[in-house]
PDB file of N, CA and C in Angstrom:
ATOM      1  N   MET A   1       0.689  -0.979   0.079  1.00  0.00           N
ATOM      2  CA  MET A   1       0.350  -0.012  -0.054  1.00  0.00           C
ATOM      3  C   MET A   1       0.590   1.455   0.102  1.00  0.00           C
ATOM      4  N   PRO A   2       0.547   2.262  -1.135  1.00  0.00           N
ATOM      5  CA  PRO A   2       1.525   3.512  -0.947  1.00  0.00           C
ATOM      6  C   PRO A   2       1.010   4.204   0.056  1.00  0.00           C
ATOM      7  N   GLN A   3       2.517   5.042   0.813  1.00  0.00           N
ATOM      8  CA  GLN A   3       1.926   6.072   1.879  1.00  0.00           C
ATOM      9  C   GLN A   3       1.382   7.400   1.422  1.00  0.00           C
ATOM     10  N   PRO A   4       0.796   8.045   2.555  1.00  0.00           N
ATOM     11  CA  PRO A   4       0.013   9.169   1.597  1.00  0.00           C
ATOM     12  C   PRO A   4       1.105  10.233   2.039  1.00  0.00           C
ATOM     13  N   ALA A   5       0.567  10.903   1.237  1.00  0.00           N
ATOM     14  CA  ALA A   5       1.785  12.362   0.911  1.00  0.00           C
ATOM     15  C   ALA A   5       1.345  13.103   2.837  1.00  0.00           C
ATOM     16  N   ASN A   6       0.515  12.545   4.000  1.00  0.00           N
ATOM     17  CA  ASN A   6       1.156  13.772   4.873  1.00  0.00           C
ATOM     18  C   ASN A   6       1.532  12.911   5.566  1.00  0.00           C
ATOM     19  N   GLY A   7       1.969  11.550   5.726  1.00  0.00           N
ATOM     20  CA  GLY A   7       2.243  10.690   6.876  1.00  0.00           C
ATOM     21  C   GLY A   7       1.717   9.955   7.008  1.00  0.00           C
ATOM     22  N   ASP A   8       0.008   9.997   7.446  1.00  0.00           N
ATOM     23  CA  ASP A   8      -0.844   9.596   8.290  1.00  0.00           C
ATOM     24  C   ASP A   8      -1.293   7.981   7.367  1.00  0.00           C
ATOM     25  N   LEU A   9      -1.087   6.871   8.075  1.00  0.00           N
ATOM     26  CA  LEU A   9      -1.572   6.054   7.740  1.00  0.00           C
ATOM     27  C   LEU A   9      -2.381   5.146   8.703  1.00  0.00           C
ATOM     28  N   ILE A  10      -3.623   4.971   8.261  1.00  0.00           N
ATOM     29  CA  ILE A  10      -4.085   4.347   9.184  1.00  0.00           C
ATOM     30  C   ILE A  10      -4.784   2.987   9.039  1.00  0.00           C
ATOM     31  N   ASP A  11      -4.755   1.644   9.950  1.00  0.00           N
ATOM     32  CA  ASP A  11      -5.068   0.330   9.209  1.00  0.00           C
ATOM     33  C   ASP A  11      -6.019  -0.321  10.063  1.00  0.00           C
ATOM     34  N   PHE A  12      -7.339  -0.976   9.381  1.00  0.00           N
ATOM     35  CA  PHE A  12      -8.157  -1.693  10.108  1.00  0.00           C
ATOM     36  C   PHE A  12      -8.100  -2.996  10.060  1.00  0.00           C
ATOM     37  N   THR A  13      -7.764  -4.342  10.944  1.00  0.00           N
ATOM     38  CA  THR A  13      -7.767  -5.579  10.519  1.00  0.00           C
ATOM     39  C   THR A  13      -8.428  -5.780  11.419  1.00  0.00           C
ATOM     40  N   THR A  14      -9.591  -7.346  10.832  1.00  0.00           N
ATOM     41  CA  THR A  14     -10.369  -8.088  11.746  1.00  0.00           C
ATOM     42  C   THR A  14     -10.488  -9.461  11.541  1.00  0.00           C
ATOM     43  N   SER A  15     -10.598 -10.208  12.995  1.00  0.00           N
ATOM     44  CA  SER A  15     -10.719 -11.486  12.397  1.00  0.00           C
ATOM     45  C   SER A  15     -11.629 -11.786  13.413  1.00  0.00           C
ATOM     46  N   GLU A  16     -12.967 -12.885  13.757  1.00  0.00           N
ATOM     47  CA  GLU A  16     -14.057 -13.356  13.774  1.00  0.00           C
ATOM     48  C   GLU A  16     -13.937 -13.028  15.523  1.00  0.00           C
ATOM     49  N   ASP A  17     -12.952 -12.742  16.046  1.00  0.00           N
ATOM     50  CA  ASP A  17     -12.857 -13.119  17.836  1.00  0.00           C
ATOM     51  C   ASP A  17     -11.815 -11.304  17.544  1.00  0.00           C
ATOM     52  N   ASP A  18     -11.244 -10.572  17.073  1.00  0.00           N
ATOM     53  CA  ASP A  18     -10.184  -9.547  16.786  1.00  0.00           C
ATOM     54  C   ASP A  18     -10.539  -8.245  16.367  1.00  0.00           C
ATOM     55  N   LEU A  19     -10.549  -7.627  16.818  1.00  0.00           N
ATOM     56  CA  LEU A  19     -10.186  -5.947  16.138  1.00  0.00           C
ATOM     57  C   LEU A  19      -9.152  -5.370  16.257  1.00  0.00           C
ATOM     58  N   TRP A  20      -8.020  -5.219  15.351  1.00  0.00           N
ATOM     59  CA  TRP A  20      -6.906  -3.886  15.252  1.00  0.00           C
ATOM     60  C   TRP A  20      -7.570  -2.734  15.027  1.00  0.00           C
ATOM     61  N   ILE A  21      -6.540  -1.756  15.060  1.00  0.00           N
ATOM     62  CA  ILE A  21      -6.842  -0.472  14.816  1.00  0.00           C
ATOM     63  C   ILE A  21      -5.343  -0.112  15.291  1.00  0.00           C
ATOM     64  N   SER A  22      -5.226   0.575  13.863  1.00  0.00           N
ATOM     65  CA  SER A  22      -3.401   0.925  14.381  1.00  0.00           C
ATOM     66  C   SER A  22      -3.510   2.084  13.185  1.00  0.00           C
ATOM     67  N   LYS A  23      -2.569   3.047  14.422  1.00  0.00           N
ATOM     68  CA  LYS A  23      -2.575   4.633  13.074  1.00  0.00           C
ATOM     69  C   LYS A  23      -0.894   4.813  13.367  1.00  0.00           C
ATOM     70  N   LEU A  24      -0.448   4.949  12.137  1.00  0.00           N
ATOM     71  CA  LEU A  24       0.984   5.638  12.050  1.00  0.00           C
ATOM     72  C   LEU A  24       1.193   7.218  11.653  1.00  0.00           C
ATOM     73  N   LEU A  25       1.335   8.105  12.182  1.00  0.00           N
ATOM     74  CA  LEU A  25       2.233   8.891  11.549  1.00  0.00           C
ATOM     75  C   LEU A  25       3.272   9.041  11.822  1.00  0.00           C
ATOM     76  N   GLN A  26       3.929   9.598  10.158  1.00  0.00           N
ATOM     77  CA  GLN A  26       5.253  10.162  10.429  1.00  0.00           C
ATOM     78  C   GLN A  26       5.560  11.551   9.867  1.00  0.00           C
ATOM     79  N   SER A  27       6.666  12.126  10.292  1.00  0.00           N
ATOM     80  CA  SER A  27       6.216  13.228   9.459  1.00  0.00           C
ATOM     81  C   SER A  27       8.248  14.246   9.409  1.00  0.00           C
ATOM     82  N   GLY A  28       8.779  14.820   9.070  1.00  0.00           N
ATOM     83  CA  GLY A  28       9.863  15.767   9.123  1.00  0.00           C
ATOM     84  C   GLY A  28      11.014  14.575   7.989  1.00  0.00           C
ATOM     85  N   PRO A  29      11.361  14.640   7.500  1.00  0.00           N
ATOM     86  CA  PRO A  29      12.684  14.743   6.490  1.00  0.00           C
ATOM     87  C   PRO A  29      13.632  12.827   7.210  1.00  0.00           C
ATOM     88  N   MET A  30      13.905  12.530   6.153  1.00  0.00           N
ATOM     89  CA  MET A  30      15.111  11.441   6.704  1.00  0.00           C
ATOM     90  C   MET A  30      16.589  12.179   7.495  1.00  0.00           C
ATOM     91  N   VAL A  31      16.830  11.906   8.493  1.00  0.00           N
ATOM     92  CA  VAL A  31      18.298  12.163   8.758  1.00  0.00           C
ATOM     93  C   VAL A  31      19.202  11.112   9.275  1.00  0.00           C
ATOM     94  N   PHE A  32      20.440  11.461   9.544  1.00  0.00           N
ATOM     95  CA  PHE A  32      21.209  10.475  10.132  1.00  0.00           C
ATOM     96  C   PHE A  32      21.144  10.961  11.615  1.00  0.00           C
ATOM     97  N   ALA A  33      20.918   9.963  12.794  1.00  0.00           N
ATOM     98  CA  ALA A  33      21.459  10.416  14.246  1.00  0.00           C
ATOM     99  C   ALA A  33      21.720   8.841  14.713  1.00  0.00           C
ATOM    100  N   VAL A  34      22.304   9.399  15.772  1.00  0.00           N
ATOM    101  CA  VAL A  34      23.311   8.600  16.889  1.00  0.00           C
ATOM    102  C   VAL A  34      21.222   7.534  17.380  1.00  0.00           C
ATOM    103  N   ASN A  35      21.821   5.992  17.165  1.00  0.00           N
ATOM    104  CA  ASN A  35      20.111   5.467  17.674  1.00  0.00           C
ATOM    105  C   ASN A  35      20.516   3.986  18.631  1.00  0.00           C
ATOM    106  N   GLY A  36      20.702   4.397  20.209  1.00  0.00           N
ATOM    107  CA  GLY A  36      21.451   3.278  20.730  1.00  0.00           C
ATOM    108  C   GLY A  36      22.857   3.535  20.350  1.00  0.00           C
ATOM    109  N   ASP A  37      23.179   2.037  20.424  1.00  0.00           N
ATOM    110  CA  ASP A  37      24.845   2.054  19.850  1.00  0.00           C
ATOM    111  C   ASP A  37      25.449   2.186  18.479  1.00  0.00           C
ATOM    112  N   ASP A  38      24.121   2.055  17.620  1.00  0.00           N
ATOM    113  CA  ASP A  38      24.247   2.394  16.561  1.00  0.00           C
ATOM    114  C   ASP A  38      24.741   3.717  16.111  1.00  0.00           C
ATOM    115  N   PRO A  39      26.205   4.237  15.602  1.00  0.00           N
ATOM    116  CA  PRO A  39      26.084   5.834  14.772  1.00  0.00           C
ATOM    117  C   PRO A  39      25.518   6.301  14.038  1.00  0.00           C
ATOM    118  N   TYR A  40      25.142   6.981  13.253  1.00  0.00           N
ATOM    119  CA  TYR A  40      24.232   7.455  12.483  1.00  0.00           C
ATOM    120  C   TYR A  40      24.222   6.990  11.860  1.00  0.00           C
ATOM    121  N   VAL A  41      22.519   6.718  11.795  1.00  0.00           N
ATOM    122  CA  VAL A  41      21.555   5.744  11.260  1.00  0.00           C
ATOM    123  C   VAL A  41      20.314   6.239  10.618  1.00  0.00           C
ATOM    124  N   GLU A  42      20.420   6.026   9.503  1.00  0.00           N
ATOM    125  CA  GLU A  42      19.096   7.002   8.812  1.00  0.00           C
ATOM    126  C   GLU A  42      18.085   7.037   9.139  1.00  0.00           C
ATOM    127  N   THR A  43      16.659   7.718   9.679  1.00  0.00           N
ATOM    128  CA  THR A  43      16.087   7.490  10.179  1.00  0.00           C
ATOM    129  C   THR A  43      14.818   8.724  10.285  1.00  0.00           C
ATOM    130  N   LEU A  44      13.805   8.379  10.121  1.00  0.00           N
ATOM    131  CA  LEU A  44      12.654   9.425   9.921  1.00  0.00           C
ATOM    132  C   LEU A  44      13.343  10.791  11.461  1.00  0.00           C
ATOM    133  N   THR A  45      12.709  11.962  11.102  1.00  0.00           N
ATOM    134  CA  THR A  45      12.697  13.053  12.173  1.00  0.00           C
ATOM    135  C   THR A  45      11.821  12.706  13.562  1.00  0.00           C
ATOM    136  N   ASN A  46       9.884  12.214  12.784  1.00  0.00           N
ATOM    137  CA  ASN A  46       9.036  11.926  14.208  1.00  0.00           C
ATOM    138  C   ASN A  46       8.097  11.057  13.663  1.00  0.00           C
ATOM    139  N   ALA A  47       8.100   9.808  14.110  1.00  0.00           N
ATOM    140  CA  ALA A  47       7.436   8.766  14.017  1.00  0.00           C
ATOM    141  C   ALA A  47       6.751   9.020  15.645  1.00  0.00           C
ATOM    142  N   HIS A  48       5.557   8.405  15.416  1.00  0.00           N
ATOM    143  CA  HIS A  48       4.538   7.897  16.148  1.00  0.00           C
ATOM    144  C   HIS A  48       3.162   7.033  16.174  1.00  0.00           C
ATOM    145  N   GLU A  49       3.191   5.659  17.096  1.00  0.00           N
ATOM    146  CA  GLU A  49       2.177   4.468  16.311  1.00  0.00           C
ATOM    147  C   GLU A  49       0.977   4.159  17.330  1.00  0.00           C
ATOM    148  N   ILE A  50       0.114   3.871  17.432  1.00  0.00           N
ATOM    149  CA  ILE A  50      -0.924   3.831  18.334  1.00  0.00           C
ATOM    150  C   ILE A  50      -1.513   2.390  17.574  1.00  0.00           C
ATOM    151  N   SER A  51      -1.629   1.327  18.495  1.00  0.00           N
ATOM    152  CA  SER A  51      -2.724   0.541  18.154  1.00  0.00           C
ATOM    153  C   SER A  51      -3.550  -0.242  19.408  1.00  0.00           C
ATOM    154  N   ILE A  52      -4.809  -0.698  18.866  1.00  0.00           N
ATOM    155  CA  ILE A  52      -5.543  -0.671  19.642  1.00  0.00           C
ATOM    156  C   ILE A  52      -6.095  -2.123  19.584  1.00  0.00           C
ATOM    157  N   ARG A  53      -6.343  -2.926  20.083  1.00  0.00           N
ATOM    158  CA  ARG A  53      -6.593  -4.414  20.128  1.00  0.00           C
ATOM    159  C   ARG A  53      -7.808  -4.458  21.126  1.00  0.00           C
ATOM    160  N   LEU A  54      -8.796  -4.918  20.216  1.00  0.00           N
ATOM    161  CA  LEU A  54     -10.015  -5.681  20.854  1.00  0.00           C
ATOM    162  C   LEU A  54     -10.409  -6.827  21.072  1.00  0.00           C
ATOM    163  N   ASN A  55     -10.850  -7.484  21.820  1.00  0.00           N
ATOM    164  CA  ASN A  55     -11.260  -9.317  21.665  1.00  0.00           C
ATOM    165  C   ASN A  55     -12.711  -9.507  22.059  1.00  0.00           C
ATOM    166  N   ARG A  56     -13.480  -9.799  21.996  1.00  0.00           N
ATOM    167  CA  ARG A  56     -14.660  -9.766  21.921  1.00  0.00           C
ATOM    168  C   ARG A  56     -15.220 -11.419  22.781  1.00  0.00           C
ATOM    169  N   VAL A  57     -14.150 -11.756  22.798  1.00  0.00           N
ATOM    170  CA  VAL A  57     -14.471 -12.784  23.293  1.00  0.00           C
ATOM    171  C   VAL A  57     -14.718 -12.843  25.093  1.00  0.00           C
ATOM    172  N   SER A  58     -13.091 -12.571  24.496  1.00  0.00           N
ATOM    173  CA  SER A  58     -12.380 -12.889  26.137  1.00  0.00           C
ATOM    174  C   SER A  58     -12.723 -11.056  27.068  1.00  0.00           C
ATOM    175  N   GLY A  59     -12.705 -10.438  26.490  1.00  0.00           N
ATOM    176  CA  GLY A  59     -12.944  -8.928  26.898  1.00  0.00           C
ATOM    177  C   GLY A  59     -11.570  -8.062  26.952  1.00  0.00           C
ATOM    178  N   ARG A  60     -10.952  -8.704  26.783  1.00  0.00           N
ATOM    179  CA  ARG A  60      -9.335  -8.032  26.365  1.00  0.00           C
ATOM    180  C   ARG A  60      -9.255  -6.854  25.651  1.00  0.00           C
ATOM    181  N   VAL A  61      -8.935  -6.055  26.370  1.00  0.00           N
ATOM    182  CA  VAL A  61      -8.405  -4.374  25.248  1.00  0.00           C
ATOM    183  C   VAL A  61      -7.150  -4.320  25.457  1.00  0.00           C
ATOM    184  N   GLN A  62      -6.403  -4.047  24.431  1.00  0.00           N
ATOM    185  CA  GLN A  62      -4.348  -3.701  24.896  1.00  0.00           C
ATOM    186  C   GLN A  62      -4.616  -2.356  23.574  1.00  0.00           C
ATOM    187  N   VAL A  63      -3.443  -1.059  24.715  1.00  0.00           N
ATOM    188  CA  VAL A  63      -3.396  -0.537  23.764  1.00  0.00           C
ATOM    189  C   VAL A  63      -1.807   0.036  23.671  1.00  0.00           C
ATOM    190  N   ASP A  64      -1.334  -0.499  22.576  1.00  0.00           N
ATOM    191  CA  ASP A  64       0.069  -0.005  22.437  1.00  0.00           C
ATOM    192  C   ASP A  64       0.483   1.113  21.861  1.00  0.00           C
ATOM    193  N   TRP A  65       1.239   2.296  22.451  1.00  0.00           N
ATOM    194  CA  TRP A  65       1.832   3.019  22.248  1.00  0.00           C
ATOM    195  C   TRP A  65       3.580   3.425  21.866  1.00  0.00           C
ATOM    196  N   HIS A  66       3.811   3.949  20.496  1.00  0.00           N
ATOM    197  CA  HIS A  66       5.300   4.184  20.290  1.00  0.00           C
ATOM    198  C   HIS A  66       5.522   5.723  19.845  1.00  0.00           C
ATOM    199  N   TRP A  67       6.450   6.505  20.774  1.00  0.00           N
ATOM    200  CA  TRP A  67       7.173   7.318  20.224  1.00  0.00           C
ATOM    201  C   TRP A  67       8.338   7.359  19.797  1.00  0.00           C
ATOM    202  N   HIS A  68       8.944   8.543  18.884  1.00  0.00           N
ATOM    203  CA  HIS A  68      10.369   8.338  17.930  1.00  0.00           C
ATOM    204  C   HIS A  68      10.610   9.591  17.818  1.00  0.00           C
ATOM    205  N   GLU A  69      11.120  10.132  18.485  1.00  0.00           N
ATOM    206  CA  GLU A  69      11.430  11.835  18.065  1.00  0.00           C
ATOM    207  C   GLU A  69      13.106  11.980  17.803  1.00  0.00           C
ATOM    208  N   VAL A  70      13.466  12.457  16.628  1.00  0.00           N
ATOM    209  CA  VAL A  70      15.206  12.715  16.527  1.00  0.00           C
ATOM    210  C   VAL A  70      14.727  14.210  17.461  1.00  0.00           C
ATOM    211  N   ARG A  71      15.962  14.315  17.968  1.00  0.00           N
ATOM    212  CA  ARG A  71      16.557  16.221  18.769  1.00  0.00           C
ATOM    213  C   ARG A  71      18.204  16.266  18.841  1.00  0.00           C
ATOM    214  N   ASN A  72      18.247  17.346  18.980  1.00  0.00           N
ATOM    215  CA  ASN A  72      19.665  17.877  18.911  1.00  0.00           C
ATOM    216  C   ASN A  72      20.602  17.551  20.069  1.00  0.00           C
ATOM    217  N   TYR A  73      21.388  16.819  20.605  1.00  0.00           N
ATOM    218  CA  TYR A  73      21.741  16.853  21.758  1.00  0.00           C
ATOM    219  C   TYR A  73      23.125  17.108  21.863  1.00  0.00           C
ATOM    220  N   SER A  74      23.454  17.872  22.745  1.00  0.00           N
ATOM    221  CA  SER A  74      25.105  18.527  22.489  1.00  0.00           C
ATOM    222  C   SER A  74      25.998  17.781  24.004  1.00  0.00           C
ATOM    223  N   PRO A  75      27.025  17.080  23.719  1.00  0.00           N
ATOM    224  CA  PRO A  75      27.384  16.182  24.736  1.00  0.00           C
ATOM    225  C   PRO A  75      27.853  17.260  25.173  1.00  0.00           C
ATOM    226  N   LEU A  76      28.850  16.541  26.666  1.00  0.00           N
ATOM    227  CA  LEU A  76      29.854  17.825  27.460  1.00  0.00           C
ATOM    228  C   LEU A  76      30.987  18.037  26.420  1.00  0.00           C
ATOM    229  N   CYS A  77      31.316  19.281  26.822  1.00  0.00           N
ATOM    230  CA  CYS A  77      32.293  20.091  25.602  1.00  0.00           C
ATOM    231  C   CYS A  77      33.058  19.402  24.363  1.00  0.00           C
ATOM    232  N   ALA A  78      31.399  19.143  24.123  1.00  0.00           N
ATOM    233  CA  ALA A  78      31.387  19.282  22.466  1.00  0.00           C
ATOM    234  C   ALA A  78      31.491  20.305  21.770  1.00  0.00           C
ATOM    235  N   ILE A  79      32.062  20.907  20.253  1.00  0.00           N
ATOM    236  CA  ILE A  79      32.173  21.985  19.912  1.00  0.00           C
ATOM    237  C   ILE A  79      30.772  21.990  19.479  1.00  0.00           C
ATOM    238  N   ARG A  80      30.355  20.652  18.598  1.00  0.00           N
ATOM    239  CA  ARG A  80      29.061  21.043  18.307  1.00  0.00           C
ATOM    240  C   ARG A  80      28.213  20.170  18.458  1.00  0.00           C
ATOM    241  N   SER A  81      27.162  19.988  17.953  1.00  0.00           N
ATOM    242  CA  SER A  81      25.646  19.094  18.153  1.00  0.00           C
ATOM    243  C   SER A  81      25.746  17.969  17.486  1.00  0.00           C
ATOM    244  N   ILE A  82      24.843  16.885  17.683  1.00  0.00           N
ATOM    245  CA  ILE A  82      24.985  16.097  17.482  1.00  0.00           C
ATOM    246  C   ILE A  82      22.860  15.353  16.958  1.00  0.00           C
ATOM    247  N   LYS A  83      22.692  14.735  16.081  1.00  0.00           N
ATOM    248  CA  LYS A  83      21.329  14.632  15.884  1.00  0.00           C
ATOM    249  C   LYS A  83      21.400  13.204  16.564  1.00  0.00           C
ATOM    250  N   LYS A  84      20.258  12.849  17.418  1.00  0.00           N
ATOM    251  CA  LYS A  84      20.195  11.803  18.583  1.00  0.00           C
ATOM    252  C   LYS A  84      18.592  10.780  18.751  1.00  0.00           C
ATOM    253  N   CYS A  85      18.221   9.935  18.651  1.00  0.00           N
ATOM    254  CA  CYS A  85      17.145   9.230  18.342  1.00  0.00           C
ATOM    255  C   CYS A  85      16.733   9.504  20.314  1.00  0.00           C
ATOM    256  N   TYR A  86      15.803   9.292  20.153  1.00  0.00           N
ATOM    257  CA  TYR A  86      14.785   9.573  21.212  1.00  0.00           C
ATOM    258  C   TYR A  86      13.186   8.567  20.966  1.00  0.00           C
ATOM    259  N   SER A  87      13.003   7.427  21.805  1.00  0.00           N
ATOM    260  CA  SER A  87      11.540   6.682  22.392  1.00  0.00           C
ATOM    261  C   SER A  87      11.498   6.454  23.458  1.00  0.00           C
ATOM    262  N   ASP A  88      10.183   5.675  23.207  1.00  0.00           N
ATOM    263  CA  ASP A  88       9.476   5.661  24.437  1.00  0.00           C
ATOM    264  C   ASP A  88       8.325   4.931  23.688  1.00  0.00           C
ATOM    265  N   ARG A  89       8.281   3.385  24.821  1.00  0.00           N
ATOM    266  CA  ARG A  89       7.292   2.573  23.994  1.00  0.00           C
ATOM    267  C   ARG A  89       6.005   2.669  25.681  1.00  0.00           C
ATOM    268  N   GLU A  90       4.556   2.309  25.949  1.00  0.00           N
ATOM    269  CA  GLU A  90       3.989   1.837  26.294  1.00  0.00           C
ATOM    270  C   GLU A  90       2.464   1.650  26.175  1.00  0.00           C
ATOM    271  N   LEU A  91       2.396   0.573  27.040  1.00  0.00           N
ATOM    272  CA  LEU A  91       1.302  -0.536  26.570  1.00  0.00           C
ATOM    273  C   LEU A  91       0.386  -0.848  28.045  1.00  0.00           C
ATOM    274  N   PHE A  92      -0.993  -0.723  27.570  1.00  0.00           N
ATOM    275  CA  PHE A  92      -1.832  -1.024  28.661  1.00  0.00           C
ATOM    276  C   PHE A  92      -2.811  -1.559  28.034  1.00  0.00           C
ATOM    277  N   THR A  93      -2.555  -2.827  29.063  1.00  0.00           N
ATOM    278  CA  THR A  93      -3.891  -4.395  29.585  1.00  0.00           C
ATOM    279  C   THR A  93      -4.864  -4.416  30.000  1.00  0.00           C
ATOM    280  N   ALA A  94      -5.720  -4.519  29.909  1.00  0.00           N
ATOM    281  CA  ALA A  94      -7.302  -4.451  30.625  1.00  0.00           C
ATOM    282  C   ALA A  94      -8.141  -5.555  30.302  1.00  0.00           C
ATOM    283  N   ASP A  95      -8.962  -5.805  31.124  1.00  0.00           N
ATOM    284  CA  ASP A  95      -9.761  -6.783  30.723  1.00  0.00           C
ATOM    285  C   ASP A  95     -11.462  -5.946  30.864  1.00  0.00           C
ATOM    286  N   CYS A  96     -12.631  -6.438  29.860  1.00  0.00           N
ATOM    287  CA  CYS A  96     -13.550  -5.366  29.847  1.00  0.00           C
ATOM    288  C   CYS A  96     -14.449  -6.972  30.240  1.00  0.00           C
ATOM    289  N   ASP A  97     -15.181  -6.546  31.482  1.00  0.00           N
ATOM    290  CA  ASP A  97     -16.331  -7.335  31.547  1.00  0.00           C
ATOM    291  C   ASP A  97     -17.372  -6.824  30.833  1.00  0.00           C
ATOM    292  N   VAL A  98     -18.245  -6.351  29.901  1.00  0.00           N
ATOM    293  CA  VAL A  98     -19.238  -5.709  29.982  1.00  0.00           C
ATOM    294  C   VAL A  98     -18.901  -6.022  27.966  1.00  0.00           C
ATOM    295  N   MET A  99     -17.914  -5.510  27.942  1.00  0.00           N
ATOM    296  CA  MET A  99     -17.581  -5.827  26.395  1.00  0.00           C
ATOM    297  C   MET A  99     -17.742  -7.424  26.179  1.00  0.00           C
ATOM    298  N   ARG A 100     -17.173  -8.411  27.096  1.00  0.00           N
ATOM    299  CA  ARG A 100     -17.517  -9.900  27.246  1.00  0.00           C
ATOM    300  C   ARG A 100     -18.787 -10.673  27.007  1.00  0.00           C
ATOM    301  N   LEU A 101     -19.371  -9.978  27.969  1.00  0.00           N
ATOM    302  CA  LEU A 101     -20.734 -10.243  28.364  1.00  0.00           C
ATOM    303  C   LEU A 101     -21.938  -9.737  26.717  1.00  0.00           C
ATOM    304  N   ARG A 102     -21.160  -8.857  25.691  1.00  0.00           N
ATOM    305  CA  ARG A 102     -22.155  -8.142  24.649  1.00  0.00           C
ATOM    306  C   ARG A 102     -21.368  -8.722  23.552  1.00  0.00           C
ATOM    307  N   LEU A 103     -21.743  -9.134  22.280  1.00  0.00           N
ATOM    308  CA  LEU A 103     -21.180  -9.606  21.283  1.00  0.00           C
ATOM    309  C   LEU A 103     -21.331  -8.410  20.026  1.00  0.00           C
ATOM    310  N   PHE A 104     -20.160  -7.827  19.577  1.00  0.00           N
ATOM    311  CA  PHE A 104     -20.589  -6.448  18.567  1.00  0.00           C
ATOM    312  C   PHE A 104     -20.195  -7.111  17.281  1.00  0.00           C
TER     313      PHE A 104
END
């Protein structure tokens, strides 16, 4: 599937028991940045992804959020700054009795 011009991509996937909704937002140019132990990896400037999974049989709701951003970083005593990747991931899981009792 081709990427939209604005960088937003929304995907809906279903099975007999599950519904997955995911959104990927990408913005900014590709830059070279320090990513963990890898020096100067080509990466996007900003990327945010959120996924929601609903299971109607077990009533389980799962939200997964991932954030990635490249920012300027000035090491101590450095003459100029470098670009460095920062990222974070959060996961929330819950069981919903009401959803388990109702069919959608």
